[in-house]
Amino acid sequence: MRVRVLSLALCAVVAVAGGCGNHRAAVPPRPMLARALAERLATLSDTVAAKLTTGDGCGARDAARTLEQQTMKAIDRGEVPRRLRAPLLSAVGDLVDRTQCPPQPPREQHGKGKHKGHKHGEGD
């Protein structure tokens, strides 16, 4: 379950980036995400993990893509500090790459082709 570990790692990155704590005046503050953004991204990451737990690979892939889109939008809006952009994008990209959505088997098509035993033109 490397994807689960990756999802948990992403949650950790978001939690650390969005966490709050005491800042000493001598040490420059660590770059952080706004609490609302950190919570939103963590919730999306949790959704990916929950879908993987239930075996919903396609749902997990969709949720991971949503997480990726929301992360990129936050970066574009300047909501993610420069120092956090690369690690956050990397973690989200890895999560998207590792979620698997197996292809659906082709549907059987009924009513196509020739019917056995049916001959046209007989009985005239």
Protein backbone atom coordinates (compact mmCIF):
# COMPACT_ATOMS: atom_id res chain seq x y z
CA MET A 1 0.00 0.00 0.00
CA ARG A 2 2.64 2.52 -1.06
CA VAL A 3 -0.17 4.85 -2.16
CA ARG A 4 -1.56 4.89 1.37
CA VAL A 5 1.88 5.75 2.74
CA LEU A 6 2.23 8.48 0.11
CA SER A 7 -1.19 9.85 1.02
CA LEU A 8 -0.22 9.94 4.67
CA ALA A 9 3.05 11.66 3.77
CA LEU A 10 1.09 14.27 1.81
CA CYS A 11 -1.15 14.82 4.83
CA ALA A 12 1.97 15.32 6.93
CA VAL A 13 3.36 17.89 4.47
CA VAL A 14 0.06 19.76 4.49
CA ALA A 15 -0.26 19.55 8.27
CA VAL A 16 3.25 20.84 8.87
CA ALA A 17 2.85 23.55 6.27
CA GLY A 18 -0.49 24.65 7.67
CA GLY A 19 0.29 24.14 11.34
CA CYS A 20 0.64 26.93 13.76
CA GLY A 21 2.96 27.24 16.71
CA ASN A 22 5.20 29.54 18.63
CA HIS A 23 7.73 31.39 16.52
CA ARG A 24 10.90 32.69 18.03
CA ALA A 25 11.98 36.15 16.98
CA ALA A 26 15.55 34.96 16.23
CA VAL A 27 14.41 32.18 13.88
CA PRO A 28 12.59 33.20 10.72
CA PRO A 29 9.14 31.64 10.61
CA ARG A 30 8.69 28.55 8.52
CA PRO A 31 6.57 29.03 5.43
CA MET A 32 3.03 27.90 6.11
CA LEU A 33 -0.21 27.42 4.28
CA ALA A 34 -3.30 29.20 5.46
CA ARG A 35 -5.26 26.92 7.78
CA ALA A 36 -8.30 26.79 5.47
CA LEU A 37 -6.18 25.77 2.48
CA ALA A 38 -4.27 23.18 4.52
CA GLU A 39 -7.53 21.69 5.78
CA ARG A 40 -9.04 21.62 2.28
CA LEU A 41 -6.01 19.83 0.81
CA ALA A 42 -5.83 17.42 3.76
CA THR A 43 -9.52 16.57 3.32
CA LEU A 44 -8.95 15.79 -0.36
CA SER A 45 -5.96 13.64 0.55
CA ASP A 46 -8.07 11.80 3.13
CA THR A 47 -10.69 11.19 0.44
CA VAL A 48 -8.06 9.54 -1.76
CA ALA A 49 -6.98 7.32 1.14
CA ALA A 50 -10.58 6.37 2.00
CA LYS A 51 -11.36 5.41 -1.59
CA LEU A 52 -8.20 3.31 -1.77
CA THR A 53 -9.18 1.57 1.47
CA THR A 54 -12.54 0.57 0.00
CA GLY A 55 -10.92 -0.62 -3.24
CA ASP A 56 -12.29 2.22 -5.35
CA GLY A 57 -9.21 2.84 -7.51
CA CYS A 58 -11.08 4.94 -10.06
CA GLY A 59 -12.64 7.11 -7.35
CA ALA A 60 -9.21 7.49 -5.73
CA ARG A 61 -7.71 8.54 -9.06
CA ASP A 62 -10.46 11.13 -9.57
CA ALA A 63 -9.98 12.47 -6.02
CA ALA A 64 -6.20 12.62 -6.54
CA ARG A 65 -6.69 14.59 -9.75
CA THR A 66 -9.02 16.98 -7.93
CA LEU A 67 -6.36 17.39 -5.24
CA GLU A 68 -3.80 18.13 -7.96
CA GLN A 69 -6.06 20.73 -9.59
CA GLN A 70 -6.82 22.44 -6.29
CA THR A 71 -3.12 22.50 -5.41
CA MET A 72 -2.22 24.10 -8.75
CA LYS A 73 -5.00 26.68 -8.39
CA ALA A 74 -3.76 27.58 -4.89
CA ILE A 75 -0.24 28.00 -6.26
CA ASP A 76 -1.51 30.15 -9.14
CA ARG A 77 -3.37 32.36 -6.66
CA GLY A 78 -0.17 32.77 -4.62
CA GLU A 79 -1.58 30.92 -1.60
CA VAL A 80 1.36 28.50 -1.36
CA PRO A 81 4.70 29.91 -0.21
CA ARG A 82 7.47 29.50 -2.78
CA ARG A 83 9.48 27.08 -0.61
CA LEU A 84 6.50 24.70 -0.29
CA ARG A 85 5.45 24.63 -3.93
CA ALA A 86 7.90 22.01 -5.23
CA PRO A 87 7.50 19.51 -2.36
CA LEU A 88 3.72 19.88 -2.39
CA LEU A 89 3.45 19.45 -6.17
CA SER A 90 5.83 16.50 -6.05
CA ALA A 91 3.81 14.72 -3.35
CA VAL A 92 0.51 15.36 -5.12
CA GLY A 93 1.95 14.28 -8.50
CA ASP A 94 3.27 11.05 -6.99
CA LEU A 95 -0.14 10.37 -5.49
CA VAL A 96 -1.86 10.87 -8.86
CA ASP A 97 0.72 8.66 -10.60
CA ARG A 98 0.31 5.85 -8.08
CA THR A 99 -3.48 5.66 -8.07
CA GLN A 100 -4.67 2.93 -10.40
CA CYS A 101 -7.94 2.85 -12.27
CA PRO A 102 -8.17 -0.48 -14.11
CA PRO A 103 -9.86 -0.27 -17.51
CA GLN A 104 -13.45 -1.43 -17.58
CA PRO A 105 -14.17 -4.57 -19.60
CA PRO A 106 -15.91 -3.83 -22.89
CA ARG A 107 -19.68 -4.07 -22.75
CA GLU A 108 -21.33 -6.86 -24.67
CA GLN A 109 -23.26 -5.53 -27.58
CA HIS A 110 -26.57 -7.26 -28.09
CA GLY A 111 -28.59 -7.11 -31.26
CA LYS A 112 -25.65 -6.49 -33.57
CA GLY A 113 -24.75 -8.73 -36.51
CA LYS A 114 -26.65 -11.48 -38.25
CA HIS A 115 -29.19 -13.62 -36.44
CA LYS A 116 -28.87 -17.37 -36.82
CA GLY A 117 -31.78 -19.19 -38.36
CA HIS A 118 -33.33 -16.12 -39.89
CA LYS A 119 -33.26 -16.17 -43.67
CA HIS A 120 -34.46 -13.27 -45.73
CA GLY A 121 -36.39 -13.78 -48.91
CA GLU A 122 -37.79 -17.25 -48.16
CA GLY A 123 -41.46 -18.04 -48.25
CA ASP A 124 -42.36 -15.73 -51.13
